[in-house]
Amino acid sequence: MKYPKFTNLAVFVIFFGIALIEAVQKNNWLEAALFLALGALSLWADFKKN
């Protein structure tokens, strides 16, 4: 079964985006940096060409 191309982006926004916003609202900058780095790594892994 082939998934739509936006599926990975939707998962990224739901998990990493919301976690990043929550960390920023709590002024927890170390946690925010961690989620930003993990989110960037996740996007890079999803969109890189094999």
N, C-alpha and C. Protein backbone atom coordinates (compact mmCIF):
# COMPACT_ATOMS: atom_id res chain seq x y z
N MET A 1 0.84 -1.18 0.00
CA MET A 1 0.00 0.00 0.00
C MET A 1 0.88 1.24 0.00
N LYS A 2 0.57 2.17 -0.86
CA LYS A 2 1.36 3.38 -0.98
C LYS A 2 0.68 4.50 -0.20
N TYR A 3 1.45 5.14 0.69
CA TYR A 3 0.92 6.23 1.51
C TYR A 3 1.06 7.55 0.76
N PRO A 4 0.15 8.51 1.02
CA PRO A 4 0.30 9.84 0.40
C PRO A 4 1.60 10.50 0.86
N LYS A 5 2.13 11.39 0.04
CA LYS A 5 3.41 12.03 0.34
C LYS A 5 3.36 12.93 1.57
N PHE A 6 2.20 13.45 1.92
CA PHE A 6 2.10 14.37 3.04
C PHE A 6 1.99 13.66 4.39
N THR A 7 1.96 12.34 4.41
CA THR A 7 1.80 11.60 5.66
C THR A 7 2.95 11.87 6.61
N ASN A 8 4.18 11.83 6.12
CA ASN A 8 5.35 12.08 6.97
C ASN A 8 5.33 13.50 7.52
N LEU A 9 4.93 14.45 6.71
CA LEU A 9 4.86 15.83 7.16
C LEU A 9 3.79 16.01 8.22
N ALA A 10 2.67 15.34 8.07
CA ALA A 10 1.59 15.43 9.06
C ALA A 10 2.05 14.87 10.41
N VAL A 11 2.75 13.76 10.39
CA VAL A 11 3.26 13.17 11.63
C VAL A 11 4.28 14.11 12.26
N PHE A 12 5.13 14.72 11.45
CA PHE A 12 6.11 15.68 11.96
C PHE A 12 5.42 16.84 12.66
N VAL A 13 4.43 17.42 12.04
CA VAL A 13 3.73 18.57 12.62
C VAL A 13 3.03 18.18 13.91
N ILE A 14 2.38 17.04 13.91
CA ILE A 14 1.63 16.63 15.10
C ILE A 14 2.56 16.39 16.28
N PHE A 15 3.59 15.60 16.10
CA PHE A 15 4.43 15.22 17.23
C PHE A 15 5.49 16.25 17.57
N PHE A 16 6.33 16.61 16.62
CA PHE A 16 7.43 17.52 16.92
C PHE A 16 6.98 18.97 17.03
N GLY A 17 6.05 19.38 16.19
CA GLY A 17 5.58 20.76 16.24
C GLY A 17 4.88 21.10 17.54
N ILE A 18 3.97 20.26 17.97
CA ILE A 18 3.24 20.52 19.20
C ILE A 18 4.17 20.43 20.41
N ALA A 19 5.07 19.46 20.40
CA ALA A 19 6.03 19.33 21.51
C ALA A 19 6.95 20.55 21.58
N LEU A 20 7.37 21.06 20.42
CA LEU A 20 8.22 22.25 20.38
C LEU A 20 7.48 23.47 20.91
N ILE A 21 6.24 23.66 20.50
CA ILE A 21 5.45 24.80 20.98
C ILE A 21 5.25 24.73 22.48
N GLU A 22 4.95 23.54 22.99
CA GLU A 22 4.76 23.38 24.43
C GLU A 22 6.04 23.68 25.20
N ALA A 23 7.18 23.24 24.69
CA ALA A 23 8.46 23.49 25.36
C ALA A 23 8.78 24.99 25.38
N VAL A 24 8.49 25.68 24.29
CA VAL A 24 8.74 27.13 24.23
C VAL A 24 7.82 27.86 25.20
N GLN A 25 6.58 27.45 25.29
CA GLN A 25 5.64 28.10 26.21
C GLN A 25 6.05 27.92 27.66
N LYS A 26 6.69 26.80 27.98
CA LYS A 26 7.15 26.55 29.35
C LYS A 26 8.53 27.16 29.60
N ASN A 27 9.09 27.84 28.58
CA ASN A 27 10.44 28.43 28.65
C ASN A 27 11.51 27.39 28.97
N ASN A 28 11.30 26.17 28.50
CA ASN A 28 12.27 25.10 28.66
C ASN A 28 13.07 25.03 27.36
N TRP A 29 14.14 25.83 27.29
CA TRP A 29 14.87 26.01 26.04
C TRP A 29 15.70 24.78 25.66
N LEU A 30 16.15 24.02 26.63
CA LEU A 30 16.91 22.80 26.32
C LEU A 30 15.99 21.77 25.65
N GLU A 31 14.80 21.61 26.18
CA GLU A 31 13.83 20.70 25.58
C GLU A 31 13.39 21.20 24.20
N ALA A 32 13.22 22.50 24.06
CA ALA A 32 12.84 23.06 22.76
C ALA A 32 13.93 22.81 21.73
N ALA A 33 15.19 22.98 22.12
CA ALA A 33 16.30 22.73 21.20
C ALA A 33 16.36 21.25 20.81
N LEU A 34 16.10 20.37 21.76
CA LEU A 34 16.09 18.94 21.48
C LEU A 34 15.00 18.60 20.47
N PHE A 35 13.79 19.10 20.67
CA PHE A 35 12.71 18.80 19.73
C PHE A 35 12.96 19.43 18.37
N LEU A 36 13.56 20.60 18.34
CA LEU A 36 13.89 21.24 17.07
C LEU A 36 14.92 20.41 16.30
N ALA A 37 15.95 19.93 17.01
CA ALA A 37 16.97 19.10 16.37
C ALA A 37 16.40 17.77 15.90
N LEU A 38 15.58 17.13 16.73
CA LEU A 38 14.97 15.86 16.33
C LEU A 38 14.00 16.05 15.17
N GLY A 39 13.28 17.15 15.17
CA GLY A 39 12.37 17.44 14.08
C GLY A 39 13.10 17.68 12.77
N ALA A 40 14.20 18.44 12.82
CA ALA A 40 14.99 18.69 11.62
C ALA A 40 15.60 17.39 11.09
N LEU A 41 16.09 16.56 11.98
CA LEU A 41 16.64 15.27 11.59
C LEU A 41 15.57 14.38 10.96
N SER A 42 14.38 14.41 11.52
CA SER A 42 13.27 13.62 10.99
C SER A 42 12.87 14.10 9.60
N LEU A 43 12.76 15.40 9.41
CA LEU A 43 12.42 15.92 8.09
C LEU A 43 13.50 15.60 7.07
N TRP A 44 14.75 15.72 7.47
CA TRP A 44 15.86 15.40 6.56
C TRP A 44 15.80 13.93 6.15
N ALA A 45 15.55 13.04 7.11
CA ALA A 45 15.48 11.61 6.80
C ALA A 45 14.29 11.28 5.90
N ASP A 46 13.18 11.98 6.08
CA ASP A 46 11.99 11.71 5.27
C ASP A 46 12.15 12.19 3.83
N PHE A 47 12.82 13.30 3.63
CA PHE A 47 12.86 13.90 2.30
C PHE A 47 14.16 13.67 1.53
N LYS A 48 15.14 13.00 2.14
CA LYS A 48 16.38 12.79 1.40
C LYS A 48 16.17 11.74 0.32
N LYS A 49 16.91 11.89 -0.74
CA LYS A 49 16.81 10.95 -1.87
C LYS A 49 17.72 9.77 -1.60
N ASN A 50 17.25 8.59 -1.95
CA ASN A 50 18.07 7.39 -1.80
C ASN A 50 19.04 7.24 -2.92
